[in-house]
N, C-alpha and C. Protein backbone atom coordinates (compact mmCIF):
# COMPACT_ATOMS: atom_id res chain seq x y z
N MET A 1 93.10 77.17 105.62
CA MET A 1 91.94 76.77 104.95
C MET A 1 91.72 77.77 103.71
N LYS A 2 91.88 77.46 102.29
CA LYS A 2 91.22 78.82 101.38
C LYS A 2 89.83 78.70 101.68
N LYS A 3 89.13 79.78 101.90
CA LYS A 3 87.62 79.82 101.79
C LYS A 3 86.89 79.22 100.64
N GLY A 4 85.71 78.74 100.90
CA GLY A 4 85.17 78.68 99.09
C GLY A 4 84.55 79.66 98.73
N ILE A 5 83.74 79.76 97.58
CA ILE A 5 83.20 80.99 96.84
C ILE A 5 81.62 80.77 97.34
N LEU A 6 81.13 82.10 97.27
CA LEU A 6 79.56 82.35 97.66
C LEU A 6 79.27 82.10 95.77
N HIS A 7 78.65 81.71 95.16
CA HIS A 7 77.91 81.98 93.62
C HIS A 7 76.87 82.12 94.04
N LEU A 8 76.05 83.30 92.99
CA LEU A 8 74.79 83.80 93.10
C LEU A 8 74.49 83.05 91.94
N ILE A 9 73.02 82.11 92.07
CA ILE A 9 72.90 81.27 90.55
C ILE A 9 71.62 81.98 90.37
N PRO A 10 71.47 82.47 88.89
CA PRO A 10 69.93 83.04 88.45
C PRO A 10 69.42 81.67 88.33
N THR A 11 67.97 81.50 88.31
CA THR A 11 67.02 80.64 87.89
C THR A 11 66.04 81.08 86.84
N ILE A 12 65.32 80.50 86.33
CA ILE A 12 64.45 80.90 85.08
C ILE A 12 63.09 81.40 85.90
N ILE A 13 62.71 82.70 84.98
CA ILE A 13 61.25 83.11 85.66
C ILE A 13 60.23 82.47 84.57
N ALA A 14 60.27 81.78 83.44
CA ALA A 14 59.35 81.22 82.85
C ALA A 14 59.68 79.85 82.49
N PRO A 15 58.75 78.97 82.61
CA PRO A 15 58.90 77.56 82.39
C PRO A 15 59.83 77.49 81.13
N ASN A 16 60.73 76.07 81.43
CA ASN A 16 61.12 75.23 79.95
C ASN A 16 62.02 76.96 79.33
N THR A 17 62.53 77.33 79.86
CA THR A 17 63.17 78.30 79.30
C THR A 17 65.01 78.37 79.56
N GLU A 18 65.47 77.05 80.26
CA GLU A 18 66.67 77.13 80.58
C GLU A 18 67.60 77.25 79.80
N SER A 19 67.45 76.73 78.46
CA SER A 19 68.70 76.80 77.20
C SER A 19 68.49 78.41 76.69
N LYS A 20 67.56 78.68 76.90
CA LYS A 20 67.42 80.00 76.31
C LYS A 20 68.08 81.37 77.31
N ALA A 21 67.57 81.44 78.67
CA ALA A 21 68.13 82.17 79.75
C ALA A 21 69.48 81.70 80.55
N LEU A 22 69.66 80.89 80.33
CA LEU A 22 70.94 80.19 81.44
C LEU A 22 72.19 80.00 80.75
N PRO A 23 73.39 80.67 80.93
CA PRO A 23 74.71 80.12 79.70
C PRO A 23 74.91 78.72 80.34
N SER A 24 75.82 78.18 79.37
CA SER A 24 76.35 76.72 79.57
C SER A 24 77.31 77.08 80.52
N ASP A 25 78.27 77.68 80.61
CA ASP A 25 78.90 78.19 81.80
C ASP A 25 78.55 77.75 83.25
N LEU A 26 77.11 78.30 83.45
CA LEU A 26 76.08 77.70 84.67
C LEU A 26 76.13 76.46 84.84
N VAL A 27 75.74 76.14 84.07
CA VAL A 27 75.42 74.69 84.18
C VAL A 27 76.53 73.91 84.70
N LYS A 28 77.70 73.92 83.71
CA LYS A 28 78.89 73.44 84.41
C LYS A 28 79.36 73.53 85.74
N LEU A 29 78.68 75.01 86.21
CA LEU A 29 79.29 75.41 87.67
C LEU A 29 78.37 74.29 88.49
N CYS A 30 77.28 74.37 88.16
CA CYS A 30 75.87 73.71 89.01
C CYS A 30 76.35 72.15 89.11
N SER A 31 76.91 71.61 88.06
CA SER A 31 77.26 70.40 88.14
C SER A 31 78.50 69.93 88.91
N GLN A 32 79.00 70.93 89.78
CA GLN A 32 80.33 70.40 90.57
C GLN A 32 79.98 71.00 91.87
N LEU A 33 78.89 71.99 92.16
CA LEU A 33 78.76 71.92 93.50
C LEU A 33 77.43 71.03 94.35
N ASP A 34 78.08 71.27 95.79
CA ASP A 34 77.50 70.09 96.40
C ASP A 34 76.73 70.66 97.27
N TYR A 35 76.70 72.23 97.54
CA TYR A 35 75.70 72.49 98.80
C TYR A 35 74.75 73.73 98.08
N TYR A 36 73.49 74.12 98.21
CA TYR A 36 72.70 75.34 97.93
C TYR A 36 71.95 75.66 99.00
N LEU A 37 71.98 76.90 99.15
CA LEU A 37 70.88 77.55 99.70
C LEU A 37 70.01 78.21 99.11
N VAL A 38 68.61 78.02 99.28
CA VAL A 38 67.97 78.04 98.30
C VAL A 38 66.71 78.95 98.87
N GLU A 39 65.45 79.62 98.23
CA GLU A 39 64.22 80.11 98.80
C GLU A 39 63.45 79.00 98.64
N ASN A 40 63.28 78.20 97.71
CA ASN A 40 62.73 77.01 97.60
C ASN A 40 63.07 76.01 97.19
N VAL A 41 63.27 74.64 98.05
CA VAL A 41 64.27 73.16 97.90
C VAL A 41 63.16 72.93 96.42
N ARG A 42 62.25 72.64 96.53
CA ARG A 42 61.28 72.36 95.32
C ARG A 42 62.05 72.51 93.95
N THR A 43 61.75 73.89 94.23
CA THR A 43 62.00 74.90 93.14
C THR A 43 63.37 74.86 92.30
N ALA A 44 64.37 74.91 93.16
CA ALA A 44 65.76 74.55 93.25
C ALA A 44 66.22 73.00 92.61
N ARG A 45 65.43 71.97 93.26
CA ARG A 45 65.64 70.84 92.97
C ARG A 45 65.08 70.84 90.83
N ARG A 46 63.87 71.10 90.77
CA ARG A 46 63.55 70.97 89.69
C ARG A 46 64.02 72.10 88.38
N CYS A 47 64.57 73.60 88.61
CA CYS A 47 65.24 74.03 88.08
C CYS A 47 67.20 73.09 87.41
N LEU A 48 67.68 72.64 88.89
CA LEU A 48 69.02 72.33 88.12
C LEU A 48 68.39 70.91 87.64
N SER A 49 67.44 70.04 87.84
CA SER A 49 67.13 68.63 86.68
C SER A 49 66.81 69.33 85.38
N ALA A 50 66.05 70.28 85.43
CA ALA A 50 65.96 71.00 83.84
C ALA A 50 67.02 71.25 83.24
N MET A 51 68.08 71.83 83.88
CA MET A 51 69.47 72.11 83.63
C MET A 51 70.42 71.38 83.03
N ASN A 52 69.88 69.66 83.13
CA ASN A 52 70.76 68.83 82.91
C ASN A 52 71.95 68.35 83.54
N ILE A 53 72.09 69.14 84.41
CA ILE A 53 73.44 68.94 85.41
C ILE A 53 74.06 67.66 85.45
N SER A 54 75.32 67.31 85.49
CA SER A 54 75.90 66.06 85.49
C SER A 54 75.95 65.39 87.05
N LYS A 55 75.66 66.26 87.77
CA LYS A 55 75.90 65.68 89.38
C LYS A 55 74.24 65.18 89.63
N ALA A 56 74.07 64.27 90.35
CA ALA A 56 72.73 63.24 91.01
C ALA A 56 72.32 64.42 91.38
N ILE A 57 71.06 64.97 91.53
CA ILE A 57 70.22 65.57 92.40
C ILE A 57 70.17 65.06 93.94
N PRO A 58 70.26 63.97 94.25
CA PRO A 58 69.90 63.36 95.47
C PRO A 58 71.46 63.59 96.32
N GLU A 59 72.18 63.80 95.52
CA GLU A 59 73.88 63.88 96.14
C GLU A 59 73.87 65.30 96.81
N ILE A 60 72.89 66.54 96.25
CA ILE A 60 73.05 67.83 96.71
C ILE A 60 72.38 67.84 98.12
N THR A 61 73.21 68.94 98.63
CA THR A 61 72.36 69.08 99.88
C THR A 61 71.73 70.54 99.70
N PHE A 62 70.64 70.42 100.04
CA PHE A 62 69.88 71.98 99.75
C PHE A 62 69.56 72.47 101.70
N HIS A 63 69.63 73.71 101.61
CA HIS A 63 69.13 74.20 103.18
C HIS A 63 68.12 75.71 102.48
N GLU A 64 67.13 75.59 103.41
CA GLU A 64 66.45 76.78 103.03
C GLU A 64 67.01 78.19 103.60
N LEU A 65 67.12 78.84 102.56
CA LEU A 65 67.23 80.27 102.90
C LEU A 65 66.04 81.45 102.55
N SER A 66 65.45 81.28 103.78
CA SER A 66 63.85 82.21 102.98
C SER A 66 63.42 83.51 103.81
N LYS A 67 62.34 84.37 103.46
CA LYS A 67 61.98 85.79 104.53
C LYS A 67 61.72 84.87 105.52
N ASN A 68 61.67 83.39 106.28
CA ASN A 68 60.99 83.05 107.54
C ASN A 68 62.59 82.66 108.16
N THR A 69 63.80 82.37 107.35
CA THR A 69 65.00 82.37 108.28
C THR A 69 65.31 83.10 108.89
N GLU A 70 65.85 82.40 110.44
CA GLU A 70 66.30 83.86 111.36
C GLU A 70 67.70 84.27 110.89
N ASP A 71 68.16 85.50 111.17
CA ASP A 71 69.31 86.14 110.94
C ASP A 71 70.48 85.09 111.82
N THR A 72 70.08 84.58 113.16
CA THR A 72 70.99 83.66 114.05
C THR A 72 71.18 82.57 113.06
N ALA A 73 70.63 81.80 111.98
CA ALA A 73 70.57 80.68 111.43
C ALA A 73 71.64 80.83 110.29
N ILE A 74 72.19 81.84 109.69
CA ILE A 74 72.72 82.12 108.63
C ILE A 74 74.25 81.77 108.84
N PRO A 75 75.22 82.20 110.22
CA PRO A 75 76.73 81.54 110.19
C PRO A 75 76.32 79.93 110.07
N SER A 76 75.51 79.30 110.82
CA SER A 76 75.49 77.76 110.60
C SER A 76 75.38 77.42 108.94
N LEU A 77 74.76 78.06 108.46
CA LEU A 77 74.39 77.96 106.81
C LEU A 77 75.54 77.93 106.01
N MET A 78 76.25 79.14 106.50
CA MET A 78 77.34 79.18 105.66
C MET A 78 78.68 78.80 105.76
N GLN A 79 78.54 77.74 106.80
CA GLN A 79 79.63 77.32 107.41
C GLN A 79 80.55 76.56 106.51
N PRO A 80 79.95 75.72 105.50
CA PRO A 80 80.90 74.70 104.43
C PRO A 80 82.00 75.81 103.78
N LEU A 81 81.77 77.83 103.69
CA LEU A 81 82.73 78.27 103.02
C LEU A 81 83.74 78.37 103.77
N PHE A 82 83.72 77.93 105.06
CA PHE A 82 84.69 78.03 106.04
C PHE A 82 85.43 76.90 105.82
N GLU A 83 85.15 75.97 105.42
CA GLU A 83 85.42 74.13 105.17
C GLU A 83 86.06 74.55 103.91
N GLY A 84 86.02 75.39 102.88
CA GLY A 84 86.72 75.39 101.83
C GLY A 84 85.74 75.06 100.66
N LYS A 85 84.47 74.93 101.04
CA LYS A 85 83.30 74.52 100.09
C LYS A 85 82.73 75.32 99.63
N SER A 86 82.53 75.62 98.16
CA SER A 86 81.92 76.87 97.55
C SER A 86 80.29 76.24 97.84
N ILE A 87 79.51 77.49 97.50
CA ILE A 87 77.86 77.43 98.16
C ILE A 87 77.26 78.01 96.95
N GLY A 88 76.25 77.32 96.59
CA GLY A 88 75.34 78.12 95.85
C GLY A 88 74.19 79.00 96.29
N ILE A 89 73.89 80.00 95.95
CA ILE A 89 72.32 80.82 96.23
C ILE A 89 71.64 80.74 94.77
N MET A 90 70.25 80.19 95.36
CA MET A 90 69.11 80.26 94.52
C MET A 90 68.22 80.89 94.81
N SER A 91 67.41 81.84 94.20
CA SER A 91 66.25 82.36 94.47
C SER A 91 65.11 82.00 93.89
N GLU A 92 63.88 82.06 94.17
CA GLU A 92 62.54 81.47 93.82
C GLU A 92 62.58 81.22 92.34
N ALA A 93 62.95 82.54 91.57
CA ALA A 93 63.13 83.09 90.39
C ALA A 93 63.88 84.17 89.78
N GLY A 94 64.79 84.03 89.20
CA GLY A 94 65.28 85.30 88.70
C GLY A 94 66.75 85.18 89.35
N CYS A 95 67.13 86.44 89.40
CA CYS A 95 68.36 86.71 90.57
C CYS A 95 68.52 86.67 92.11
N PRO A 96 69.28 86.01 92.52
CA PRO A 96 69.41 85.55 94.13
C PRO A 96 70.07 87.25 94.30
N GLY A 97 69.47 88.16 95.47
CA GLY A 97 70.19 89.33 96.02
C GLY A 97 69.48 90.40 95.85
N ILE A 98 68.48 90.17 94.52
CA ILE A 98 67.54 91.08 94.04
C ILE A 98 66.16 90.98 94.27
N ALA A 99 65.79 92.04 95.09
CA ALA A 99 64.33 91.66 95.70
C ALA A 99 64.09 90.28 96.40
N ASP A 100 64.83 89.59 97.20
CA ASP A 100 65.27 88.03 97.44
C ASP A 100 66.04 88.05 98.79
N PRO A 101 65.66 87.36 99.64
CA PRO A 101 66.43 86.65 100.88
C PRO A 101 67.76 86.37 100.97
N GLY A 102 67.89 85.93 99.86
CA GLY A 102 69.50 85.84 99.82
C GLY A 102 70.65 86.92 99.60
N ALA A 103 70.42 88.12 100.10
CA ALA A 103 70.93 89.12 100.20
C ALA A 103 71.50 89.19 101.47
N ARG A 104 70.78 88.46 102.04
CA ARG A 104 71.90 88.65 103.71
C ARG A 104 72.84 87.57 103.90
N ALA A 105 72.54 86.69 103.16
CA ALA A 105 73.77 85.96 102.87
C ALA A 105 74.77 86.39 102.12
N VAL A 106 74.86 86.85 101.24
CA VAL A 106 75.77 87.76 100.86
C VAL A 106 76.76 89.02 101.44
N ALA A 107 75.36 89.38 102.10
CA ALA A 107 76.17 90.33 103.44
C ALA A 107 77.20 89.81 104.35
N TYR A 108 76.65 88.75 104.59
CA TYR A 108 77.30 87.96 105.63
C TYR A 108 79.07 87.49 105.04
N ALA A 109 78.71 87.39 103.69
CA ALA A 109 79.96 86.83 103.18
C ALA A 109 80.87 88.34 102.94
N HIS A 110 80.66 89.23 102.62
CA HIS A 110 81.24 90.26 102.59
C HIS A 110 81.77 90.58 103.83
N GLU A 111 81.28 90.61 104.97
CA GLU A 111 81.69 90.63 106.55
C GLU A 111 82.58 89.94 107.15
N ASN A 112 82.53 88.65 106.10
CA ASN A 112 83.98 87.33 106.22
C ASN A 112 84.74 87.00 105.55
N ASP A 113 85.22 88.27 104.44
CA ASP A 113 85.88 88.31 103.80
C ASP A 113 85.86 86.75 102.72
N ILE A 114 84.42 86.47 102.33
CA ILE A 114 84.54 85.53 101.57
C ILE A 114 84.03 85.76 100.16
N ARG A 115 84.50 85.61 98.92
CA ARG A 115 84.58 85.86 97.69
C ARG A 115 83.09 85.52 97.46
N VAL A 116 82.32 86.68 96.65
CA VAL A 116 80.96 86.33 96.02
C VAL A 116 80.83 86.52 94.68
N GLU A 117 80.50 85.69 93.94
CA GLU A 117 80.93 85.44 92.43
C GLU A 117 79.24 85.30 91.76
N PRO A 118 78.69 86.60 90.94
CA PRO A 118 77.32 86.60 90.45
C PRO A 118 77.43 85.86 88.79
N TRP A 119 76.15 85.18 88.92
CA TRP A 119 76.19 84.71 87.64
C TRP A 119 75.22 85.29 86.67
N VAL A 120 75.62 85.35 85.57
CA VAL A 120 74.82 85.99 84.26
C VAL A 120 73.44 85.33 84.56
N GLY A 121 72.14 85.97 84.32
CA GLY A 121 70.73 85.54 83.84
C GLY A 121 69.87 86.15 84.06
N PRO A 122 68.32 85.79 83.96
CA PRO A 122 67.62 86.41 83.99
C PRO A 122 66.77 87.24 85.12
N SER A 123 66.81 88.40 85.09
CA SER A 123 66.10 89.14 86.04
C SER A 123 64.74 89.88 85.76
N SER A 124 63.55 89.74 86.03
CA SER A 124 62.34 90.31 85.40
C SER A 124 62.07 91.95 85.81
N ILE A 125 63.15 92.14 86.65
CA ILE A 125 63.20 93.93 86.79
C ILE A 125 63.96 94.25 85.87
N PHE A 126 64.83 94.29 85.61
CA PHE A 126 66.13 94.42 84.54
C PHE A 126 65.51 94.12 83.36
N LEU A 127 65.12 93.02 83.01
CA LEU A 127 64.33 92.76 81.39
C LEU A 127 63.28 93.64 81.17
N ALA A 128 62.23 93.80 82.17
CA ALA A 128 61.03 94.89 82.00
C ALA A 128 61.68 96.38 81.93
N LEU A 129 62.58 96.78 82.77
CA LEU A 129 63.37 97.88 82.32
C LEU A 129 63.95 98.38 80.89
N MET A 130 64.74 97.17 80.70
CA MET A 130 65.08 97.39 79.09
C MET A 130 64.45 97.49 77.92
N ALA A 131 63.13 96.98 78.12
CA ALA A 131 62.13 96.79 77.09
C ALA A 131 60.95 97.87 77.17
N SER A 132 61.01 98.50 78.43
CA SER A 132 59.93 99.97 78.75
C SER A 132 60.36 100.98 77.72
N GLY A 133 61.61 101.05 77.05
CA GLY A 133 62.08 102.21 76.95
C GLY A 133 61.77 103.69 77.29
N PHE A 134 61.74 103.12 79.05
CA PHE A 134 61.85 104.33 80.08
C PHE A 134 63.40 104.49 80.26
N SER A 135 63.84 105.50 81.12
CA SER A 135 65.40 106.12 81.44
C SER A 135 65.96 104.69 82.40
N GLY A 136 66.88 103.95 81.77
CA GLY A 136 67.27 102.86 82.65
C GLY A 136 68.88 104.07 83.22
N GLN A 137 68.96 105.37 83.01
CA GLN A 137 70.24 105.91 84.09
C GLN A 137 70.02 106.21 85.41
N SER A 138 68.32 106.83 85.58
CA SER A 138 68.20 106.73 86.85
C SER A 138 66.65 105.92 87.14
N PHE A 139 66.39 105.32 88.02
CA PHE A 139 65.61 104.58 87.94
C PHE A 139 65.09 104.12 89.69
N ALA A 140 64.58 103.56 90.12
CA ALA A 140 64.22 102.70 91.36
C ALA A 140 62.97 101.97 91.62
N PHE A 141 63.62 100.66 92.16
CA PHE A 141 62.63 99.65 92.49
C PHE A 141 62.06 99.64 93.75
N SER A 142 60.44 99.89 93.70
CA SER A 142 59.89 99.56 95.23
C SER A 142 59.33 98.45 95.62
N GLY A 143 59.45 97.36 95.42
CA GLY A 143 58.73 95.87 95.59
C GLY A 143 57.50 95.99 95.20
N TYR A 144 57.32 95.40 96.20
CA TYR A 144 55.93 94.58 96.14
C TYR A 144 54.91 96.06 96.75
N LEU A 145 53.89 96.52 96.25
CA LEU A 145 52.76 97.55 96.96
C LEU A 145 52.23 97.19 98.27
N PRO A 146 51.79 98.12 98.87
CA PRO A 146 50.93 98.12 100.63
C PRO A 146 49.72 97.10 100.20
N ILE A 147 49.50 96.30 100.96
CA ILE A 147 48.18 95.19 100.78
C ILE A 147 46.94 95.81 101.41
N ASP A 148 47.24 96.88 102.34
CA ASP A 148 46.01 97.80 102.76
C ASP A 148 45.63 98.91 101.65
N LYS A 149 44.33 98.85 101.47
CA LYS A 149 43.72 99.57 100.13
C LYS A 149 44.37 101.24 100.59
N LYS A 150 44.19 101.72 101.81
CA LYS A 150 44.90 102.97 101.96
C LYS A 150 46.12 103.36 101.29
N GLU A 151 46.62 102.81 101.99
CA GLU A 151 48.66 102.46 102.20
C GLU A 151 48.76 102.16 100.64
N ARG A 152 47.93 101.56 99.50
CA ARG A 152 48.51 101.19 98.55
C ARG A 152 47.91 102.37 97.28
N THR A 153 47.13 103.42 97.94
CA THR A 153 46.47 104.03 97.37
C THR A 153 47.61 105.23 97.40
N GLN A 154 48.05 105.11 98.51
CA GLN A 154 49.16 106.69 98.84
C GLN A 154 50.37 106.02 98.35
N ALA A 155 50.97 104.88 98.22
CA ALA A 155 51.86 104.26 97.17
C ALA A 155 51.77 104.62 96.14
N ILE A 156 51.06 104.44 95.42
CA ILE A 156 50.83 104.71 93.84
C ILE A 156 50.75 106.16 93.54
N ARG A 157 50.56 107.21 94.67
CA ARG A 157 50.57 108.52 94.07
C ARG A 157 51.89 108.81 94.58
N ASN A 158 52.64 108.58 95.61
CA ASN A 158 54.07 108.93 95.77
C ASN A 158 54.83 108.49 94.47
N LEU A 159 54.50 107.34 93.98
CA LEU A 159 55.30 106.76 92.73
C LEU A 159 55.50 108.03 91.56
N GLU A 160 53.79 108.10 91.41
CA GLU A 160 53.78 109.09 90.18
C GLU A 160 54.38 110.69 90.56
N GLN A 161 54.09 110.88 91.70
CA GLN A 161 54.64 112.14 92.54
C GLN A 161 56.39 112.16 92.09
N THR A 162 56.70 110.70 92.61
CA THR A 162 58.17 111.00 92.20
C THR A 162 58.87 110.95 90.94
N PHE A 163 58.08 110.39 89.95
CA PHE A 163 58.56 110.22 88.72
C PHE A 163 58.14 111.59 88.12
N PHE A 164 57.33 112.38 88.32
CA PHE A 164 57.02 113.70 87.89
C PHE A 164 58.09 114.88 88.22
N LYS A 165 58.35 114.56 89.36
CA LYS A 165 59.64 115.71 90.33
C LYS A 165 60.63 115.36 89.64
N THR A 166 61.02 114.07 89.76
CA THR A 166 62.84 113.57 89.58
C THR A 166 62.72 112.79 88.04
N GLY A 167 61.63 112.49 87.16
CA GLY A 167 62.10 112.09 86.12
C GLY A 167 62.46 110.56 86.32
N GLN A 168 62.75 110.14 87.30
CA GLN A 168 63.08 108.93 87.78
C GLN A 168 62.40 107.57 87.29
N THR A 169 62.36 106.52 86.93
CA THR A 169 61.62 105.29 85.95
C THR A 169 61.06 105.22 87.88
N GLN A 170 59.78 104.55 87.82
CA GLN A 170 59.62 104.00 88.87
C GLN A 170 58.93 102.40 88.76
N ILE A 171 59.83 101.20 89.35
CA ILE A 171 59.64 99.90 89.22
C ILE A 171 58.77 99.81 90.40
N PHE A 172 57.99 98.76 89.91
CA PHE A 172 56.95 98.18 90.98
C PHE A 172 56.28 96.66 90.85
N MET A 173 55.99 95.96 91.72
CA MET A 173 54.92 94.76 91.52
C MET A 173 54.18 94.50 92.15
N GLU A 174 53.05 93.58 92.03
CA GLU A 174 51.86 93.41 92.84
C GLU A 174 51.82 91.50 92.77
N THR A 175 51.42 91.07 93.98
CA THR A 175 51.07 89.37 93.86
C THR A 175 50.03 89.09 92.89
N PRO A 176 50.41 88.31 92.07
CA PRO A 176 49.46 88.13 90.88
C PRO A 176 48.24 88.53 91.15
N TYR A 177 47.37 87.67 91.86
CA TYR A 177 46.45 87.67 91.80
C TYR A 177 45.68 89.37 92.40
N ARG A 178 46.45 90.17 92.68
CA ARG A 178 46.12 91.43 92.81
C ARG A 178 46.08 92.46 91.49
N ASN A 179 46.79 91.83 90.47
CA ASN A 179 47.19 92.72 89.63
C ASN A 179 46.30 93.52 88.64
N ASN A 180 44.78 93.08 88.51
CA ASN A 180 43.97 93.76 88.11
C ASN A 180 43.33 94.59 88.92
N GLN A 181 43.45 94.45 90.45
CA GLN A 181 42.87 95.53 91.21
C GLN A 181 44.01 96.89 91.05
N LEU A 182 45.27 96.33 91.03
CA LEU A 182 46.35 97.41 90.99
C LEU A 182 46.13 98.19 90.10
N VAL A 183 46.09 97.47 88.44
CA VAL A 183 45.42 98.23 87.25
C VAL A 183 44.18 99.18 87.25
N GLU A 184 43.47 98.89 87.98
CA GLU A 184 42.37 99.48 87.90
C GLU A 184 42.73 100.63 89.08
N ASP A 185 43.53 100.59 89.90
CA ASP A 185 43.49 101.80 90.54
C ASP A 185 44.39 102.71 90.26
N ILE A 186 45.41 102.45 89.37
CA ILE A 186 46.72 103.10 88.41
C ILE A 186 45.74 103.76 87.51
N LEU A 187 44.81 102.96 86.75
CA LEU A 187 44.09 104.20 85.87
C LEU A 187 43.22 105.05 86.61
N ARG A 188 42.49 104.79 87.64
CA ARG A 188 41.58 105.49 88.02
C ARG A 188 42.32 107.11 88.51
N MET A 189 43.70 106.69 89.15
CA MET A 189 44.45 107.38 90.02
C MET A 189 45.15 108.28 89.47
N CYS A 190 45.98 108.14 88.25
CA CYS A 190 46.90 108.60 87.77
C CYS A 190 46.83 109.66 86.47
N ALA A 191 47.56 110.48 86.12
CA ALA A 191 47.07 111.33 85.40
C ALA A 191 47.38 111.15 83.90
N PRO A 192 46.23 111.48 83.06
CA PRO A 192 46.51 110.72 81.54
C PRO A 192 47.62 110.72 80.82
N GLN A 193 48.27 111.93 80.66
CA GLN A 193 49.75 111.47 80.22
C GLN A 193 50.75 110.74 80.61
N LEU A 194 50.74 110.27 81.57
CA LEU A 194 51.82 109.27 82.74
C LEU A 194 51.71 108.20 81.57
N LYS A 195 52.96 107.60 81.37
CA LYS A 195 53.04 106.11 80.83
C LYS A 195 53.45 105.33 81.45
N LEU A 196 52.73 103.94 81.55
CA LEU A 196 52.93 102.98 82.33
C LEU A 196 52.85 101.60 81.52
N CYS A 197 54.23 101.23 81.88
CA CYS A 197 54.79 99.84 81.02
C CYS A 197 54.27 98.81 81.92
N ILE A 198 53.48 97.73 81.19
CA ILE A 198 53.19 96.67 82.07
C ILE A 198 54.23 95.14 81.05
N ALA A 199 54.98 94.52 82.14
CA ALA A 199 55.36 93.37 81.56
C ALA A 199 55.12 92.36 81.88
N LYS A 200 54.54 91.33 81.36
CA LYS A 200 53.83 90.25 82.00
C LYS A 200 54.12 89.19 81.45
N ASN A 201 54.35 88.00 82.28
CA ASN A 201 55.20 86.55 81.43
C ASN A 201 56.36 86.73 80.66
N ILE A 202 57.19 87.59 81.54
CA ILE A 202 58.69 87.80 80.59
C ILE A 202 58.97 86.51 80.66
N ASN A 203 59.60 86.35 79.22
CA ASN A 203 60.62 85.08 79.03
C ASN A 203 59.75 83.85 78.64
N ALA A 204 58.17 83.80 78.66
CA ALA A 204 57.10 82.78 78.08
C ALA A 204 56.57 83.27 76.46
N GLU A 205 55.99 82.21 76.49
CA GLU A 205 55.57 82.33 74.71
C GLU A 205 54.47 83.16 75.01
N ASP A 206 54.04 83.59 75.78
CA ASP A 206 52.62 84.83 75.83
C ASP A 206 53.14 85.87 76.69
N GLU A 207 54.64 85.96 76.46
CA GLU A 207 55.10 87.23 76.96
C GLU A 207 54.42 88.81 76.59
N MET A 208 54.08 89.92 77.47
CA MET A 208 53.56 90.96 76.42
C MET A 208 54.70 91.83 77.30
N ILE A 209 55.02 92.48 76.79
CA ILE A 209 55.65 94.00 77.46
C ILE A 209 55.08 95.15 76.59
N LYS A 210 54.32 96.15 77.42
CA LYS A 210 53.87 97.39 76.03
C LYS A 210 54.02 98.32 77.19
N THR A 211 54.46 99.66 76.48
CA THR A 211 54.31 100.77 77.24
C THR A 211 53.18 101.52 76.26
N ASP A 212 52.53 102.34 77.21
CA ASP A 212 51.31 103.45 76.58
C ASP A 212 51.22 104.24 77.73
N THR A 213 49.88 105.24 77.25
CA THR A 213 49.64 106.12 78.13
C THR A 213 48.47 105.82 79.20
N ILE A 214 48.21 106.25 80.29
CA ILE A 214 47.35 105.94 81.08
C ILE A 214 46.11 106.08 80.17
N GLN A 215 45.87 107.01 79.49
CA GLN A 215 44.59 107.31 78.99
C GLN A 215 44.19 106.06 78.08
N ASN A 216 45.45 105.68 76.97
CA ASN A 216 45.01 104.38 76.33
C ASN A 216 44.85 103.09 76.94
N TRP A 217 45.60 102.66 78.19
CA TRP A 217 45.27 101.92 78.91
C TRP A 217 43.81 102.06 79.14
N LYS A 218 43.36 102.81 79.03
CA LYS A 218 41.90 102.65 79.81
C LYS A 218 40.99 102.38 78.59
N ASN A 219 41.61 102.26 77.54
CA ASN A 219 40.63 101.52 76.84
C ASN A 219 40.93 100.33 76.28
N ASN A 220 42.03 99.60 76.74
CA ASN A 220 42.70 98.39 76.17
C ASN A 220 43.44 97.66 77.30
N LYS A 221 42.35 97.72 78.58
CA LYS A 221 42.84 96.79 79.86
C LYS A 221 43.59 95.58 79.75
N PRO A 222 44.49 95.07 80.06
CA PRO A 222 44.81 93.80 79.55
C PRO A 222 44.51 92.55 80.78
N GLU A 223 44.27 91.64 80.81
CA GLU A 223 43.68 90.17 81.84
C GLU A 223 44.94 90.20 82.50
N LEU A 224 45.29 90.38 83.97
CA LEU A 224 46.63 90.21 84.16
C LEU A 224 46.43 89.21 85.53
N HIS A 225 45.41 88.49 85.86
CA HIS A 225 45.04 87.79 87.18
C HIS A 225 45.77 86.36 87.21
N LYS A 226 46.73 86.49 88.46
CA LYS A 226 47.63 85.27 88.78
C LYS A 226 48.37 85.06 87.27
N VAL A 227 48.94 86.48 86.79
CA VAL A 227 50.29 86.57 85.78
C VAL A 227 51.03 87.42 86.47
N PRO A 228 52.19 86.64 86.22
CA PRO A 228 53.58 87.22 87.25
C PRO A 228 53.70 88.82 85.99
N CYS A 229 53.79 89.91 87.27
CA CYS A 229 53.95 91.24 86.06
C CYS A 229 54.93 92.20 86.86
N ILE A 230 55.38 92.93 86.26
CA ILE A 230 56.46 93.80 86.74
C ILE A 230 55.85 95.31 86.11
N PHE A 231 55.65 96.60 86.67
CA PHE A 231 55.15 97.81 86.14
C PHE A 231 55.89 98.61 86.73
N LEU A 232 55.92 99.56 85.47
CA LEU A 232 56.89 100.71 85.51
C LEU A 232 55.94 101.97 84.85
N PHE A 233 56.43 103.37 85.93
CA PHE A 233 56.18 104.67 85.44
C PHE A 233 57.15 105.37 84.71
N GLY A 234 57.05 106.13 83.68
CA GLY A 234 57.92 106.95 82.98
C GLY A 234 57.35 107.71 81.74
N MET A 235 58.47 107.94 81.10
CA MET A 235 58.07 108.67 80.05
C MET A 235 59.48 108.38 78.97
N ASN A 236 58.75 108.73 77.53
CA ASN A 236 59.97 108.27 76.67
C ASN A 236 59.94 109.00 75.35
């Protein structure tokens, strides 16, 4: 029997942006799929409903694939592929497989000769990089910084030093309710000539993507509490 396809389906990163961020061909695909592995079932249902897919949501089977999913559960979650049924992978926000537990399903697919098809959609990481003015030739994404204050301080220093040593754009993020404290730490610790890009609420109506020096940010600190953000170190 021919195996199904593992489709990597992006989700929106700002409310009510389905028509802006997701292509019509993706909507057609999602109208055909019966089986999804998703980081958050409620988010996935809401996204598919907002996309106005033709299939009724109650007819679709959803299984959670999150950071809490055991590796031993992956084979059973992927079983429909071996029965000729295609599966859609959906992240909580953005592109599955990028800073996302869906990467484990993708790795399993490659190990078992299953076709993987990525679809076009928004990624806050890459949209921030595109709009930062920093180097897109050499960059690194470090994900969330440590919670521990001492470890976070060292992580910021390491990111700054790596940039000055290599010229490589450094991309990172923080849990939204700790954004303001992160900015305070950056402005206190980093060299005044270093440039920081803050990308806030990407794709939303109140989107802000701004690049400036540490020195200038000190005089114009934004309010970022509980707002999704991406941060970048670089030069342009």
